[in-house]
N, C-alpha and C. Protein backbone atom coordinates (compact mmCIF):
# COMPACT_ATOMS: atom_id res chain seq x y z
N UNK A 1 111.10 -9.82 -78.89
CA UNK A 1 110.62 -9.19 -77.70
C UNK A 1 109.15 -8.79 -77.83
N UNK A 2 108.81 -8.23 -78.97
CA UNK A 2 107.43 -7.83 -79.22
C UNK A 2 106.54 -9.07 -79.26
N UNK A 3 107.04 -10.13 -79.82
CA UNK A 3 106.29 -11.39 -79.90
C UNK A 3 105.96 -11.91 -78.50
N UNK A 4 106.90 -11.85 -77.57
CA UNK A 4 106.67 -12.31 -76.19
C UNK A 4 105.62 -11.46 -75.48
N UNK A 5 105.61 -10.16 -75.72
CA UNK A 5 104.60 -9.28 -75.12
C UNK A 5 103.20 -9.64 -75.62
N UNK A 6 103.07 -9.90 -76.90
CA UNK A 6 101.78 -10.28 -77.49
C UNK A 6 101.33 -11.63 -76.91
N UNK A 7 102.24 -12.56 -76.78
CA UNK A 7 101.93 -13.87 -76.24
C UNK A 7 101.46 -13.77 -74.79
N UNK A 8 102.12 -12.95 -73.99
CA UNK A 8 101.73 -12.76 -72.59
C UNK A 8 100.34 -12.15 -72.50
N UNK A 9 100.03 -11.17 -73.33
CA UNK A 9 98.71 -10.52 -73.32
C UNK A 9 97.62 -11.50 -73.77
N UNK A 10 97.91 -12.31 -74.77
CA UNK A 10 96.90 -13.27 -75.25
C UNK A 10 96.64 -14.36 -74.23
N UNK A 11 97.64 -14.75 -73.43
CA UNK A 11 97.43 -15.74 -72.37
C UNK A 11 96.45 -15.20 -71.33
N UNK A 12 96.58 -13.93 -71.03
CA UNK A 12 95.66 -13.31 -70.07
C UNK A 12 94.23 -13.31 -70.57
N UNK A 13 94.07 -13.02 -71.85
CA UNK A 13 92.73 -12.99 -72.45
C UNK A 13 92.14 -14.39 -72.48
N UNK A 14 92.93 -15.38 -72.86
CA UNK A 14 92.45 -16.77 -72.89
C UNK A 14 92.07 -17.24 -71.49
N UNK A 15 92.89 -16.91 -70.50
CA UNK A 15 92.59 -17.29 -69.12
C UNK A 15 91.29 -16.63 -68.65
N UNK A 16 91.09 -15.38 -69.00
CA UNK A 16 89.87 -14.65 -68.63
C UNK A 16 88.63 -15.32 -69.25
N UNK A 17 88.72 -15.69 -70.51
CA UNK A 17 87.60 -16.35 -71.20
C UNK A 17 87.29 -17.70 -70.56
N UNK A 18 88.30 -18.46 -70.21
CA UNK A 18 88.09 -19.76 -69.57
C UNK A 18 87.39 -19.61 -68.22
N UNK A 19 87.78 -18.63 -67.43
CA UNK A 19 87.16 -18.41 -66.11
C UNK A 19 85.69 -18.06 -66.26
N UNK A 20 85.36 -17.19 -67.20
CA UNK A 20 83.97 -16.80 -67.41
C UNK A 20 83.14 -17.98 -67.88
N UNK A 21 83.63 -18.76 -68.83
CA UNK A 21 82.84 -19.88 -69.35
C UNK A 21 82.65 -20.96 -68.29
N UNK A 22 83.63 -21.21 -67.45
CA UNK A 22 83.48 -22.23 -66.40
C UNK A 22 82.50 -21.79 -65.33
N UNK A 23 82.47 -20.51 -64.98
CA UNK A 23 81.56 -20.04 -63.95
C UNK A 23 80.11 -20.16 -64.40
N UNK A 24 79.83 -19.99 -65.68
CA UNK A 24 78.46 -20.14 -66.19
C UNK A 24 78.00 -21.58 -66.08
N UNK A 25 78.86 -22.55 -66.32
CA UNK A 25 78.48 -23.95 -66.24
C UNK A 25 78.12 -24.34 -64.81
N UNK A 26 78.80 -23.80 -63.84
CA UNK A 26 78.51 -24.11 -62.44
C UNK A 26 77.14 -23.58 -62.06
N UNK A 27 76.77 -22.40 -62.53
CA UNK A 27 75.47 -21.83 -62.22
C UNK A 27 74.33 -22.65 -62.81
N UNK A 28 74.51 -23.23 -63.98
CA UNK A 28 73.45 -23.99 -64.65
C UNK A 28 73.12 -25.31 -63.96
N UNK A 29 73.99 -25.84 -63.12
CA UNK A 29 73.76 -27.14 -62.49
C UNK A 29 73.10 -27.03 -61.13
N UNK A 30 72.59 -25.88 -60.74
CA UNK A 30 71.97 -25.70 -59.43
C UNK A 30 70.56 -26.28 -59.35
N UNK A 31 69.94 -26.66 -60.44
CA UNK A 31 68.58 -27.19 -60.43
C UNK A 31 68.55 -28.56 -59.76
N UNK A 32 67.56 -28.76 -58.89
CA UNK A 32 67.40 -30.03 -58.19
C UNK A 32 66.78 -31.06 -59.13
N UNK A 33 67.51 -32.12 -59.39
CA UNK A 33 67.04 -33.16 -60.30
C UNK A 33 66.76 -34.47 -59.56
N UNK A 34 66.63 -34.42 -58.25
CA UNK A 34 66.40 -35.63 -57.45
C UNK A 34 65.11 -36.34 -57.84
N UNK A 35 64.12 -35.59 -58.29
CA UNK A 35 62.84 -36.18 -58.66
C UNK A 35 62.97 -37.13 -59.84
N UNK A 36 64.02 -37.01 -60.63
CA UNK A 36 64.20 -37.85 -61.82
C UNK A 36 64.56 -39.29 -61.48
N UNK A 37 64.91 -39.56 -60.25
CA UNK A 37 65.33 -40.90 -59.86
C UNK A 37 64.19 -41.70 -59.22
N UNK A 38 62.96 -41.35 -59.51
CA UNK A 38 61.82 -42.02 -58.90
C UNK A 38 61.61 -43.40 -59.49
N UNK A 39 60.93 -44.25 -58.72
CA UNK A 39 60.56 -45.59 -59.19
C UNK A 39 59.05 -45.79 -59.18
N UNK A 40 58.39 -45.36 -58.08
CA UNK A 40 56.95 -45.51 -57.94
C UNK A 40 56.35 -44.23 -57.37
N UNK A 41 55.15 -43.92 -57.85
CA UNK A 41 54.38 -42.78 -57.34
C UNK A 41 53.01 -43.28 -56.93
N UNK A 42 52.43 -42.62 -55.95
CA UNK A 42 51.08 -43.00 -55.54
C UNK A 42 50.32 -41.76 -55.11
N UNK A 43 49.07 -41.67 -55.56
CA UNK A 43 48.16 -40.61 -55.14
C UNK A 43 46.91 -41.32 -54.62
N UNK A 44 46.59 -41.07 -53.36
CA UNK A 44 45.46 -41.76 -52.73
C UNK A 44 44.50 -40.73 -52.13
N UNK A 45 43.25 -40.79 -52.57
CA UNK A 45 42.18 -39.98 -51.98
C UNK A 45 41.26 -40.92 -51.21
N UNK A 46 40.17 -40.40 -50.69
CA UNK A 46 39.24 -41.26 -49.96
C UNK A 46 38.65 -42.35 -50.85
N UNK A 47 38.46 -42.02 -52.13
CA UNK A 47 37.78 -42.94 -53.04
C UNK A 47 38.67 -43.60 -54.08
N UNK A 48 39.78 -42.97 -54.43
CA UNK A 48 40.62 -43.49 -55.51
C UNK A 48 42.07 -43.65 -55.06
N UNK A 49 42.73 -44.59 -55.70
CA UNK A 49 44.16 -44.78 -55.53
C UNK A 49 44.76 -44.98 -56.92
N UNK A 50 45.83 -44.23 -57.19
CA UNK A 50 46.54 -44.37 -58.46
C UNK A 50 47.98 -44.70 -58.13
N UNK A 51 48.46 -45.84 -58.68
CA UNK A 51 49.84 -46.27 -58.48
C UNK A 51 50.53 -46.27 -59.84
N UNK A 52 51.64 -45.53 -59.90
CA UNK A 52 52.36 -45.36 -61.15
C UNK A 52 53.78 -45.87 -60.97
N UNK A 53 54.18 -46.76 -61.86
CA UNK A 53 55.54 -47.28 -61.85
C UNK A 53 56.30 -46.71 -63.04
N UNK A 54 57.51 -46.30 -62.81
CA UNK A 54 58.34 -45.75 -63.89
C UNK A 54 58.62 -46.81 -64.95
N UNK A 55 58.62 -48.08 -64.54
CA UNK A 55 59.02 -49.17 -65.43
C UNK A 55 57.84 -49.90 -66.06
N UNK A 56 56.64 -49.37 -65.90
CA UNK A 56 55.45 -49.99 -66.47
C UNK A 56 54.83 -49.05 -67.49
N UNK A 57 54.18 -49.63 -68.49
CA UNK A 57 53.52 -48.78 -69.49
C UNK A 57 52.15 -48.31 -69.04
N UNK A 58 51.64 -48.85 -67.91
CA UNK A 58 50.33 -48.44 -67.43
C UNK A 58 50.38 -48.22 -65.91
N UNK A 59 49.40 -47.47 -65.43
CA UNK A 59 49.26 -47.23 -64.00
C UNK A 59 48.03 -47.97 -63.51
N UNK A 60 48.03 -48.33 -62.23
CA UNK A 60 46.88 -49.00 -61.63
C UNK A 60 45.97 -47.96 -61.00
N UNK A 61 44.71 -48.02 -61.36
CA UNK A 61 43.70 -47.10 -60.83
C UNK A 61 42.63 -47.91 -60.13
N UNK A 62 42.34 -47.56 -58.89
CA UNK A 62 41.31 -48.25 -58.13
C UNK A 62 40.30 -47.23 -57.63
N UNK A 63 39.04 -47.47 -57.90
CA UNK A 63 37.95 -46.61 -57.45
C UNK A 63 37.07 -47.41 -56.49
N UNK A 64 36.83 -46.87 -55.32
CA UNK A 64 36.02 -47.56 -54.32
C UNK A 64 34.66 -46.89 -54.24
N UNK A 65 33.61 -47.69 -54.33
CA UNK A 65 32.24 -47.20 -54.21
C UNK A 65 31.73 -47.68 -52.85
N UNK A 66 31.33 -46.72 -52.02
CA UNK A 66 30.85 -47.04 -50.67
C UNK A 66 29.33 -47.13 -50.65
N UNK A 67 28.80 -47.92 -49.71
CA UNK A 67 27.37 -47.99 -49.48
C UNK A 67 26.93 -46.69 -48.82
N UNK A 68 25.74 -46.24 -49.15
CA UNK A 68 25.22 -45.00 -48.58
C UNK A 68 24.34 -45.29 -47.38
N UNK A 69 24.17 -44.26 -46.55
CA UNK A 69 23.23 -44.36 -45.45
C UNK A 69 23.83 -44.75 -44.12
N UNK A 70 25.12 -44.94 -44.02
CA UNK A 70 25.74 -45.29 -42.75
C UNK A 70 26.37 -44.04 -42.17
N UNK A 71 25.91 -43.62 -41.00
CA UNK A 71 26.48 -42.42 -40.40
C UNK A 71 26.78 -42.68 -38.94
N UNK A 72 27.94 -42.24 -38.54
CA UNK A 72 28.38 -42.36 -37.16
C UNK A 72 29.46 -41.31 -36.97
N UNK A 73 29.91 -41.11 -35.77
CA UNK A 73 31.01 -40.19 -35.52
C UNK A 73 32.17 -40.99 -34.97
N UNK A 74 33.29 -41.09 -35.62
CA UNK A 74 33.50 -40.66 -37.00
C UNK A 74 32.72 -41.55 -37.96
N UNK A 75 32.50 -41.06 -39.17
CA UNK A 75 31.69 -41.83 -40.13
C UNK A 75 32.28 -43.20 -40.42
N UNK A 76 31.40 -44.17 -40.59
CA UNK A 76 31.82 -45.51 -40.98
C UNK A 76 31.42 -45.72 -42.43
N UNK A 77 32.34 -46.26 -43.17
CA UNK A 77 32.08 -46.49 -44.58
C UNK A 77 32.24 -47.97 -44.87
N UNK A 78 31.20 -48.55 -45.46
CA UNK A 78 31.28 -49.95 -45.90
C UNK A 78 31.41 -49.95 -47.42
N UNK A 79 32.33 -50.75 -47.88
CA UNK A 79 32.62 -50.80 -49.32
C UNK A 79 31.54 -51.60 -50.04
N UNK A 80 30.98 -50.99 -51.09
CA UNK A 80 30.00 -51.66 -51.94
C UNK A 80 30.73 -52.44 -53.04
N UNK A 81 31.68 -51.79 -53.72
CA UNK A 81 32.46 -52.48 -54.75
C UNK A 81 33.74 -51.72 -55.02
N UNK A 82 34.72 -52.46 -55.57
CA UNK A 82 35.99 -51.87 -55.98
C UNK A 82 36.11 -52.04 -57.49
N UNK A 83 36.42 -50.94 -58.15
CA UNK A 83 36.62 -50.97 -59.60
C UNK A 83 38.10 -50.75 -59.87
N UNK A 84 38.69 -51.61 -60.70
CA UNK A 84 40.11 -51.48 -61.03
C UNK A 84 40.27 -51.30 -62.54
N UNK A 85 41.13 -50.36 -62.90
CA UNK A 85 41.39 -50.05 -64.30
C UNK A 85 42.88 -49.84 -64.52
N UNK A 86 43.27 -49.88 -65.78
CA UNK A 86 44.61 -49.50 -66.19
C UNK A 86 44.51 -48.10 -66.81
N UNK A 87 45.46 -47.25 -66.46
CA UNK A 87 45.51 -45.89 -66.98
C UNK A 87 46.87 -45.71 -67.64
N UNK A 88 46.89 -45.01 -68.76
CA UNK A 88 48.14 -44.83 -69.50
C UNK A 88 48.57 -43.36 -69.47
N UNK A 89 49.78 -43.15 -68.97
CA UNK A 89 50.40 -41.84 -68.95
C UNK A 89 51.62 -41.89 -69.87
N UNK A 90 51.88 -40.80 -70.56
CA UNK A 90 53.10 -40.73 -71.36
C UNK A 90 54.30 -40.57 -70.43
N UNK A 91 55.48 -40.75 -70.97
CA UNK A 91 56.70 -40.61 -70.17
C UNK A 91 56.80 -39.20 -69.60
N UNK A 92 56.50 -38.20 -70.41
CA UNK A 92 56.58 -36.81 -69.93
C UNK A 92 55.53 -36.53 -68.85
N UNK A 93 54.34 -37.12 -68.97
CA UNK A 93 53.31 -36.95 -67.94
C UNK A 93 53.75 -37.60 -66.63
N UNK A 94 54.34 -38.79 -66.72
CA UNK A 94 54.83 -39.46 -65.51
C UNK A 94 55.96 -38.66 -64.87
N UNK A 95 56.86 -38.13 -65.68
CA UNK A 95 57.95 -37.33 -65.14
C UNK A 95 57.44 -36.03 -64.51
N UNK A 96 56.41 -35.44 -65.10
CA UNK A 96 55.80 -34.24 -64.51
C UNK A 96 55.16 -34.58 -63.17
N UNK A 97 54.42 -35.68 -63.12
CA UNK A 97 53.83 -36.10 -61.84
C UNK A 97 54.91 -36.35 -60.80
N UNK A 98 56.00 -36.98 -61.21
CA UNK A 98 57.11 -37.24 -60.29
C UNK A 98 57.64 -35.93 -59.72
N UNK A 99 57.80 -34.95 -60.56
CA UNK A 99 58.31 -33.65 -60.10
C UNK A 99 57.34 -32.98 -59.13
N UNK A 100 56.05 -32.95 -59.48
CA UNK A 100 55.06 -32.29 -58.63
C UNK A 100 54.93 -33.01 -57.29
N UNK A 101 54.92 -34.33 -57.31
CA UNK A 101 54.81 -35.09 -56.06
C UNK A 101 56.07 -34.93 -55.23
N UNK A 102 57.23 -34.99 -55.86
CA UNK A 102 58.49 -34.81 -55.14
C UNK A 102 58.54 -33.44 -54.45
N UNK A 103 58.16 -32.40 -55.19
CA UNK A 103 58.15 -31.05 -54.61
C UNK A 103 57.12 -30.94 -53.49
N UNK A 104 56.00 -31.66 -53.61
CA UNK A 104 54.98 -31.63 -52.56
C UNK A 104 55.44 -32.32 -51.28
N UNK A 105 56.15 -33.42 -51.41
CA UNK A 105 56.57 -34.15 -50.21
C UNK A 105 57.84 -33.58 -49.59
N UNK A 106 58.68 -32.94 -50.38
CA UNK A 106 59.91 -32.37 -49.81
C UNK A 106 59.72 -30.93 -49.37
N UNK A 107 58.69 -30.28 -49.85
CA UNK A 107 58.40 -28.90 -49.51
C UNK A 107 56.90 -28.73 -49.31
N UNK A 108 56.34 -29.35 -48.28
CA UNK A 108 54.88 -29.33 -48.12
C UNK A 108 54.36 -27.93 -47.84
N UNK A 109 53.14 -27.70 -48.23
CA UNK A 109 52.47 -26.42 -48.00
C UNK A 109 51.67 -26.56 -46.70
N UNK A 110 52.03 -25.76 -45.73
CA UNK A 110 51.29 -25.78 -44.48
C UNK A 110 50.08 -24.87 -44.62
N UNK A 111 48.93 -25.36 -44.16
CA UNK A 111 47.69 -24.63 -44.35
C UNK A 111 46.88 -24.60 -43.06
N UNK A 112 46.12 -23.54 -42.89
CA UNK A 112 45.23 -23.43 -41.73
C UNK A 112 43.82 -23.87 -42.07
N UNK A 113 43.60 -24.35 -43.27
CA UNK A 113 42.28 -24.79 -43.69
C UNK A 113 41.90 -26.05 -42.93
N UNK A 114 40.71 -26.05 -42.37
CA UNK A 114 40.21 -27.23 -41.68
C UNK A 114 38.76 -27.43 -42.09
N UNK A 115 38.48 -28.49 -42.79
CA UNK A 115 37.14 -28.77 -43.27
C UNK A 115 36.46 -29.77 -42.34
N UNK A 116 35.17 -29.61 -42.19
CA UNK A 116 34.41 -30.55 -41.36
C UNK A 116 34.07 -31.80 -42.15
N UNK A 117 33.56 -32.78 -41.48
CA UNK A 117 33.13 -34.05 -42.09
C UNK A 117 34.26 -34.79 -42.78
N UNK A 118 35.49 -34.55 -42.33
CA UNK A 118 36.66 -35.28 -42.86
C UNK A 118 36.81 -35.12 -44.37
N UNK A 119 36.47 -33.97 -44.90
CA UNK A 119 36.49 -33.74 -46.34
C UNK A 119 37.85 -33.20 -46.77
N UNK A 120 38.37 -33.74 -47.84
CA UNK A 120 39.61 -33.23 -48.43
C UNK A 120 40.84 -33.97 -47.95
N UNK A 121 40.94 -35.23 -48.30
CA UNK A 121 42.08 -36.04 -47.89
C UNK A 121 42.85 -36.51 -49.12
N UNK A 122 44.18 -36.40 -49.05
CA UNK A 122 45.03 -36.93 -50.11
C UNK A 122 46.36 -37.33 -49.49
N UNK A 123 46.87 -38.45 -49.99
CA UNK A 123 48.20 -38.91 -49.60
C UNK A 123 49.04 -39.00 -50.87
N UNK A 124 50.18 -38.33 -50.86
CA UNK A 124 51.10 -38.33 -51.99
C UNK A 124 52.34 -39.10 -51.58
N UNK A 125 52.73 -40.06 -52.40
CA UNK A 125 53.86 -40.92 -52.07
C UNK A 125 54.86 -40.94 -53.22
N UNK A 126 56.13 -40.77 -52.87
CA UNK A 126 57.23 -40.76 -53.83
C UNK A 126 58.23 -41.81 -53.38
N UNK A 127 58.43 -42.86 -54.19
CA UNK A 127 59.37 -43.94 -53.87
C UNK A 127 60.60 -43.83 -54.74
N UNK A 128 61.74 -43.98 -54.09
CA UNK A 128 63.02 -43.94 -54.79
C UNK A 128 63.96 -44.92 -54.11
N UNK A 129 64.37 -45.94 -54.86
CA UNK A 129 65.27 -46.97 -54.37
C UNK A 129 64.80 -47.50 -53.02
N UNK A 130 65.51 -47.21 -51.93
CA UNK A 130 65.12 -47.73 -50.62
C UNK A 130 64.55 -46.63 -49.73
N UNK A 131 63.90 -45.64 -50.33
CA UNK A 131 63.38 -44.51 -49.59
C UNK A 131 61.97 -44.18 -50.05
N UNK A 132 61.08 -43.91 -49.10
CA UNK A 132 59.72 -43.46 -49.39
C UNK A 132 59.51 -42.10 -48.75
N UNK A 133 58.99 -41.18 -49.53
CA UNK A 133 58.62 -39.87 -49.02
C UNK A 133 57.12 -39.75 -49.13
N UNK A 134 56.46 -39.33 -48.05
CA UNK A 134 55.00 -39.26 -48.04
C UNK A 134 54.56 -37.92 -47.45
N UNK A 135 53.57 -37.32 -48.08
CA UNK A 135 52.94 -36.12 -47.56
C UNK A 135 51.44 -36.39 -47.58
N UNK A 136 50.80 -36.12 -46.45
CA UNK A 136 49.37 -36.42 -46.35
C UNK A 136 48.63 -35.18 -45.84
N UNK A 137 47.58 -34.82 -46.56
CA UNK A 137 46.71 -33.72 -46.14
C UNK A 137 45.38 -34.34 -45.72
N UNK A 138 44.87 -33.91 -44.56
CA UNK A 138 43.59 -34.42 -44.06
C UNK A 138 42.68 -33.26 -43.73
N UNK A 139 41.42 -33.40 -44.10
CA UNK A 139 40.37 -32.42 -43.81
C UNK A 139 40.75 -31.01 -44.27
N UNK A 140 41.17 -30.90 -45.52
CA UNK A 140 41.55 -29.59 -46.07
C UNK A 140 40.55 -29.09 -47.12
N UNK A 141 39.36 -29.69 -47.17
CA UNK A 141 38.37 -29.28 -48.15
C UNK A 141 38.75 -29.79 -49.52
N UNK A 142 39.04 -28.90 -50.42
CA UNK A 142 39.48 -29.29 -51.77
C UNK A 142 41.00 -29.43 -51.75
N UNK A 143 41.49 -30.66 -51.78
CA UNK A 143 42.94 -30.87 -51.67
C UNK A 143 43.71 -30.31 -52.84
N UNK A 144 43.04 -30.17 -53.98
CA UNK A 144 43.73 -29.64 -55.16
C UNK A 144 43.98 -28.13 -55.05
N UNK A 145 43.44 -27.49 -54.02
CA UNK A 145 43.65 -26.05 -53.83
C UNK A 145 44.69 -25.75 -52.75
N UNK A 146 45.34 -26.76 -52.21
CA UNK A 146 46.32 -26.55 -51.14
C UNK A 146 47.56 -25.83 -51.67
N UNK A 147 48.04 -26.21 -52.84
CA UNK A 147 49.23 -25.59 -53.41
C UNK A 147 49.19 -25.68 -54.94
N UNK A 148 50.13 -25.04 -55.59
CA UNK A 148 50.22 -25.13 -57.04
C UNK A 148 50.54 -26.55 -57.48
N UNK A 149 51.38 -27.24 -56.70
CA UNK A 149 51.73 -28.62 -57.06
C UNK A 149 50.53 -29.56 -56.96
N UNK A 150 49.73 -29.43 -55.89
CA UNK A 150 48.55 -30.30 -55.77
C UNK A 150 47.55 -30.00 -56.88
N UNK A 151 47.48 -28.76 -57.28
CA UNK A 151 46.59 -28.40 -58.40
C UNK A 151 47.06 -29.05 -59.69
N UNK A 152 48.37 -29.02 -59.94
CA UNK A 152 48.92 -29.63 -61.15
C UNK A 152 48.75 -31.15 -61.14
N UNK A 153 48.94 -31.76 -59.98
CA UNK A 153 48.75 -33.21 -59.84
C UNK A 153 47.31 -33.56 -60.17
N UNK A 154 46.38 -32.84 -59.58
CA UNK A 154 44.95 -33.09 -59.81
C UNK A 154 44.60 -32.94 -61.29
N UNK A 155 45.03 -31.84 -61.91
CA UNK A 155 44.69 -31.58 -63.31
C UNK A 155 45.25 -32.66 -64.24
N UNK A 156 46.47 -33.09 -64.00
CA UNK A 156 47.07 -34.11 -64.85
C UNK A 156 46.34 -35.45 -64.72
N UNK A 157 46.02 -35.83 -63.50
CA UNK A 157 45.31 -37.10 -63.29
C UNK A 157 43.88 -36.99 -63.82
N UNK A 158 43.24 -35.86 -63.58
CA UNK A 158 41.86 -35.64 -64.02
C UNK A 158 41.74 -35.74 -65.54
N UNK A 159 42.79 -35.44 -66.26
CA UNK A 159 42.76 -35.54 -67.72
C UNK A 159 42.68 -37.00 -68.18
N UNK A 160 42.96 -37.93 -67.28
CA UNK A 160 42.97 -39.37 -67.63
C UNK A 160 41.80 -40.14 -67.01
N UNK A 161 41.52 -39.86 -65.73
CA UNK A 161 40.49 -40.59 -65.00
C UNK A 161 39.76 -39.66 -64.04
N UNK A 162 38.63 -40.13 -63.54
CA UNK A 162 37.87 -39.38 -62.55
C UNK A 162 38.57 -39.48 -61.21
N UNK A 163 38.80 -38.35 -60.57
CA UNK A 163 39.43 -38.35 -59.25
C UNK A 163 38.74 -37.29 -58.39
N UNK A 164 38.55 -37.63 -57.14
CA UNK A 164 37.83 -36.76 -56.22
C UNK A 164 38.71 -35.61 -55.74
N UNK A 165 38.12 -34.41 -55.65
CA UNK A 165 38.82 -33.27 -55.07
C UNK A 165 38.77 -33.36 -53.54
N UNK A 166 37.82 -34.15 -53.05
CA UNK A 166 37.62 -34.23 -51.61
C UNK A 166 38.07 -35.54 -51.14
């Protein structure tokens, strides 16, 4: 009889421990990991375009040099030359860019900043399977100051190649 009482009490304790441990696991899985399923990323400013593929060891970087002295409203720009380079990002750098771009396109920062002369343009593109997410900021002055994510994107790319803030 005493043995049955001890067994009943221990079942309650074991059940209590199982409930607590399972509830902690559910809480840990709330982080959004959708950004991890990316295939292609793109950051485009007025002068540069960077295309990053998850499945390539290098990214494509294109820098456009415009001819000077042409002014109109809106301004007309004639291309003088296009420079193309390969840029190398580590896996962790590419994954960080994917996260920052994903957060930027799924949760854009709305701003009242309006810069004259069409200054401060950036297009952020996140490709995943058969879906493209795009966020574009126009005439915001320094695009890297729009949000924490745009600042992180700029800093990471700037560590590899020259990229315009405007």
